[in-house]
Amino acid sequence: MTPAEQSAAAAKICALAPVVPVLIVENTADAKPLASALVAGGLPALEVTLRTPAALDVIRAMAEVEGGVVGAGTLLTPADVKAAKDAGAKFGVSPGATQALIDACAEYELPLLPGAATASEVMFLLEQGFTVQKFFPAEYAGGVPLLSAWSSPLPQVKFCPTGGVSPSNAVKYLSLPNVICVGGSWVAPKSAVASGNWAEITRLAADARLIAGV
């Protein structure tokens, strides 16, 4: 799968909803109810970060939830890519990009949303064929002003800003012509997950769509 084909697939996934939940899940038992709650609220694209021992099992469980499209975040190595694909991930997200990671996603046919934080990184990924990229860490790398500035010289690249995105600034990002969606963790707060308050998570997901005007 070429980078261009990966970006085409990523664009379709990003277009499913204006917000992609970024999830750090400690307990596999929470996987299905959490995914179901987010999908019910209108957020079907789910990024499970590979930051916990349970992450791959969480991906396996969420992959069984009807209407959901689960991906793996925090991909760092080719081994991460293979493990994510084997677990059922439909897409991958990385904080940055290396040639080894890019090659692995091509080999294992896992659509990658590669991270970039500078114009040079964006241009490198564009040169590879990635026209859909993650802007990370968004708020700390320049935020809305930087993305707005990039929209003129780099109009062919669309971004999913992640990192510091919240209900208070999501609409500003989404109003930019080069933003396809945003990623955020606020729709699945740890307290709600820990208490099994799935109705609250569904409400937050639905509110996220309203923030975006959808």
Protein backbone atom coordinates (compact mmCIF):
# COMPACT_ATOMS: atom_id res chain seq x y z
CA MET A 1 0.00 0.00 0.00
CA THR A 2 1.63 3.22 -1.14
CA PRO A 3 1.65 6.39 1.01
CA ALA A 4 -0.80 7.96 -1.45
CA GLU A 5 -3.16 5.01 -1.05
CA GLN A 6 -2.74 5.20 2.72
CA SER A 7 -3.66 8.89 2.73
CA ALA A 8 -6.74 8.19 0.60
CA ALA A 9 -7.85 5.59 3.13
CA ALA A 10 -7.01 7.87 6.06
CA ALA A 11 -9.02 10.70 4.51
CA LYS A 12 -12.12 8.48 4.39
CA ILE A 13 -11.66 7.51 8.03
CA CYS A 14 -11.08 11.10 9.13
CA ALA A 15 -14.21 12.16 7.26
CA LEU A 16 -16.39 9.84 9.36
CA ALA A 17 -16.57 12.40 12.16
CA PRO A 18 -14.96 15.73 13.06
CA VAL A 19 -13.38 14.31 16.21
CA VAL A 20 -11.27 11.16 16.58
CA PRO A 21 -11.16 10.04 20.22
CA VAL A 22 -7.59 9.43 21.42
CA LEU A 23 -7.89 6.61 23.94
CA ILE A 24 -5.53 5.32 26.63
CA VAL A 25 -7.28 2.20 27.94
CA GLU A 26 -5.91 0.29 30.91
CA ASN A 27 -8.55 -2.44 31.20
CA THR A 28 -9.58 -4.72 28.32
CA ALA A 29 -13.00 -5.15 29.92
CA ASP A 30 -13.70 -1.48 29.20
CA ALA A 31 -12.96 -1.81 25.49
CA LYS A 32 -16.31 -2.85 24.04
CA PRO A 33 -18.57 -0.65 26.19
CA LEU A 34 -16.29 2.33 25.59
CA ALA A 35 -16.25 1.83 21.85
CA SER A 36 -20.00 1.28 21.78
CA ALA A 37 -20.59 4.47 23.77
CA LEU A 38 -18.44 6.56 21.42
CA VAL A 39 -20.01 5.07 18.30
CA ALA A 40 -23.48 5.70 19.74
CA GLY A 41 -22.50 9.33 20.22
CA GLY A 42 -21.48 9.65 16.60
CA LEU A 43 -17.70 9.17 16.78
CA PRO A 44 -16.90 5.90 14.95
CA ALA A 45 -13.17 6.39 14.29
CA LEU A 46 -11.27 5.36 17.43
CA GLU A 47 -7.55 5.71 18.10
CA VAL A 48 -6.27 3.34 20.78
CA THR A 49 -2.79 4.41 21.80
CA LEU A 50 -0.18 1.71 22.36
CA ARG A 51 0.69 3.13 25.77
CA THR A 52 -0.68 0.38 28.03
CA PRO A 53 -0.06 -3.37 28.30
CA ALA A 54 -3.71 -3.95 27.39
CA ALA A 55 -3.70 -1.84 24.21
CA LEU A 56 -3.50 -4.64 21.64
CA ASP A 57 -6.22 -6.64 23.40
CA VAL A 58 -8.31 -3.48 23.56
CA ILE A 59 -7.93 -3.06 19.79
CA ARG A 60 -8.99 -6.69 19.27
CA ALA A 61 -12.10 -6.17 21.37
CA MET A 62 -13.04 -2.82 19.83
CA ALA A 63 -12.63 -4.25 16.34
CA GLU A 64 -15.71 -6.38 17.07
CA VAL A 65 -17.94 -3.37 17.81
CA GLU A 66 -20.37 -2.74 14.98
CA GLY A 67 -20.01 0.66 13.37
CA GLY A 68 -16.59 1.34 14.82
CA VAL A 69 -13.31 1.78 12.95
CA VAL A 70 -10.46 1.17 15.37
CA GLY A 71 -6.90 2.28 14.81
CA ALA A 72 -3.63 2.10 16.72
CA GLY A 73 -1.91 5.22 17.95
CA THR A 74 1.64 5.84 19.15
CA LEU A 75 3.15 3.61 16.45
CA LEU A 76 6.92 3.89 16.86
CA THR A 77 8.46 0.80 15.25
CA PRO A 78 7.83 -1.73 12.48
CA ALA A 79 7.00 -4.24 15.23
CA ASP A 80 4.25 -1.91 16.46
CA VAL A 81 2.80 -1.77 12.95
CA LYS A 82 2.70 -5.56 12.57
CA ALA A 83 1.22 -6.06 16.03
CA ALA A 84 -1.45 -3.42 15.43
CA LYS A 85 -2.44 -4.90 12.08
CA ASP A 86 -2.56 -8.41 13.55
CA ALA A 87 -4.80 -7.12 16.35
CA GLY A 88 -7.32 -5.77 13.85
CA ALA A 89 -6.39 -2.10 13.54
CA LYS A 90 -7.75 -0.47 10.40
CA PHE A 91 -5.38 2.51 10.53
CA GLY A 92 -2.31 3.71 12.39
CA VAL A 93 -1.23 7.01 13.90
CA SER A 94 2.31 8.05 14.81
CA PRO A 95 3.70 11.06 16.71
CA GLY A 96 6.32 11.50 13.99
CA ALA A 97 7.62 9.46 11.07
CA THR A 98 10.70 7.43 10.22
CA GLN A 99 11.52 5.68 6.99
CA ALA A 100 11.35 2.32 8.77
CA LEU A 101 7.84 3.09 10.02
CA ILE A 102 6.72 4.27 6.58
CA ASP A 103 8.12 1.11 4.97
CA ALA A 104 6.40 -1.11 7.53
CA CYS A 105 3.01 0.48 6.91
CA ALA A 106 3.49 -0.09 3.20
CA GLU A 107 4.49 -3.73 3.80
CA TYR A 108 1.65 -4.54 6.20
CA GLU A 109 -0.90 -2.40 4.33
CA LEU A 110 -1.86 -0.31 7.32
CA PRO A 111 -2.99 3.23 6.42
CA LEU A 112 -0.79 5.63 8.36
CA LEU A 113 -1.59 9.08 9.68
CA PRO A 114 2.00 10.23 10.21
CA GLY A 115 2.87 13.01 12.61
CA ALA A 116 4.53 16.28 11.64
CA ALA A 117 5.28 19.46 13.58
CA THR A 118 7.41 21.53 11.19
CA ALA A 119 7.18 22.62 7.56
CA SER A 120 10.19 20.45 6.69
CA GLU A 121 8.51 17.37 8.20
CA VAL A 122 5.30 18.13 6.32
CA MET A 123 7.25 18.50 3.07
CA PHE A 124 9.16 15.26 3.66
CA LEU A 125 5.92 13.35 4.18
CA LEU A 126 4.32 15.04 1.18
CA GLU A 127 7.32 14.02 -0.91
CA GLN A 128 6.66 10.44 0.20
CA GLY A 129 3.03 10.75 -0.89
CA PHE A 130 1.23 11.50 2.38
CA THR A 131 -1.38 14.19 1.78
CA VAL A 132 -3.18 13.55 5.09
CA GLN A 133 -1.05 14.03 8.19
CA LYS A 134 -1.30 14.38 11.95
CA PHE A 135 -0.23 17.77 13.35
CA PHE A 136 1.31 16.99 16.73
CA PRO A 137 1.61 18.29 19.38
CA ALA A 138 -0.80 20.83 17.97
CA GLU A 139 -1.15 23.44 20.70
CA TYR A 140 2.54 23.33 21.58
CA ALA A 141 3.88 23.33 18.01
CA GLY A 142 2.12 26.51 16.90
CA GLY A 143 -1.57 25.69 17.00
CA VAL A 144 -4.17 27.35 14.82
CA PRO A 145 -1.88 30.22 13.66
CA LEU A 146 0.75 27.81 12.31
CA LEU A 147 -1.77 25.60 10.50
CA SER A 148 -3.39 28.70 9.05
CA ALA A 149 -0.01 29.88 7.79
CA TRP A 150 0.67 26.49 6.16
CA SER A 151 -2.62 26.50 4.28
CA SER A 152 -1.29 28.85 1.59
CA PRO A 153 2.09 27.29 0.67
CA LEU A 154 0.97 23.69 1.41
CA PRO A 155 -2.70 23.58 0.35
CA GLN A 156 -2.50 19.96 -0.80
CA VAL A 157 -1.97 18.66 2.74
CA LYS A 158 -4.85 18.08 5.15
CA PHE A 159 -4.27 17.70 8.87
CA CYS A 160 -5.67 16.07 11.98
CA PRO A 161 -4.41 18.27 14.85
CA THR A 162 -3.85 16.36 18.10
CA GLY A 163 -2.30 17.40 21.38
CA GLY A 164 -3.93 20.06 23.50
CA VAL A 165 -7.12 20.08 21.42
CA SER A 166 -10.21 20.58 23.59
CA PRO A 167 -13.83 21.71 23.38
CA SER A 168 -12.64 25.30 23.81
CA ASN A 169 -10.42 25.34 20.69
CA ALA A 170 -11.63 22.45 18.50
CA VAL A 171 -13.94 24.67 16.47
CA LYS A 172 -11.05 27.03 15.65
CA TYR A 173 -9.07 24.14 14.23
CA LEU A 174 -12.02 22.71 12.35
CA SER A 175 -12.73 26.07 10.72
CA LEU A 176 -9.37 25.97 8.91
CA PRO A 177 -9.43 24.86 5.26
CA ASN A 178 -6.56 22.40 5.78
CA VAL A 179 -8.04 20.60 8.80
CA ILE A 180 -10.00 17.42 8.10
CA CYS A 181 -10.69 16.45 11.73
CA VAL A 182 -9.18 16.79 15.21
CA GLY A 183 -8.04 14.22 17.75
CA GLY A 184 -8.80 14.57 21.42
CA SER A 185 -9.09 12.65 24.68
CA TRP A 186 -11.74 14.79 26.35
CA VAL A 187 -14.59 12.64 25.02
CA ALA A 188 -13.48 9.69 27.18
CA PRO A 189 -12.31 11.08 30.54
CA LYS A 190 -10.61 8.63 32.87
CA SER A 191 -13.19 9.20 35.59
CA ALA A 192 -16.09 8.21 33.33
CA VAL A 193 -14.27 5.14 32.04
CA ALA A 194 -13.27 4.06 35.55
CA SER A 195 -16.85 4.36 36.82
CA GLY A 196 -18.38 2.76 33.73
CA ASN A 197 -20.41 5.89 33.01
CA TRP A 198 -20.91 5.05 29.35
CA ALA A 199 -23.93 7.34 29.04
CA GLU A 200 -21.72 10.30 29.94
CA ILE A 201 -19.22 9.30 27.27
CA THR A 202 -21.99 9.02 24.69
CA ARG A 203 -23.14 12.51 25.70
CA LEU A 204 -19.64 13.92 25.38
CA ALA A 205 -19.26 12.31 21.96
CA ALA A 206 -22.55 13.79 20.79
CA ASP A 207 -21.51 17.20 22.15
CA ALA A 208 -18.24 16.94 20.22
CA ARG A 209 -20.18 16.65 16.99
CA LEU A 210 -22.23 19.70 17.98
CA ILE A 211 -19.06 21.69 18.71
CA ALA A 212 -18.00 20.96 15.17
CA GLY A 213 -21.37 21.99 13.81
CA VAL A 214 -22.29 18.51 12.60
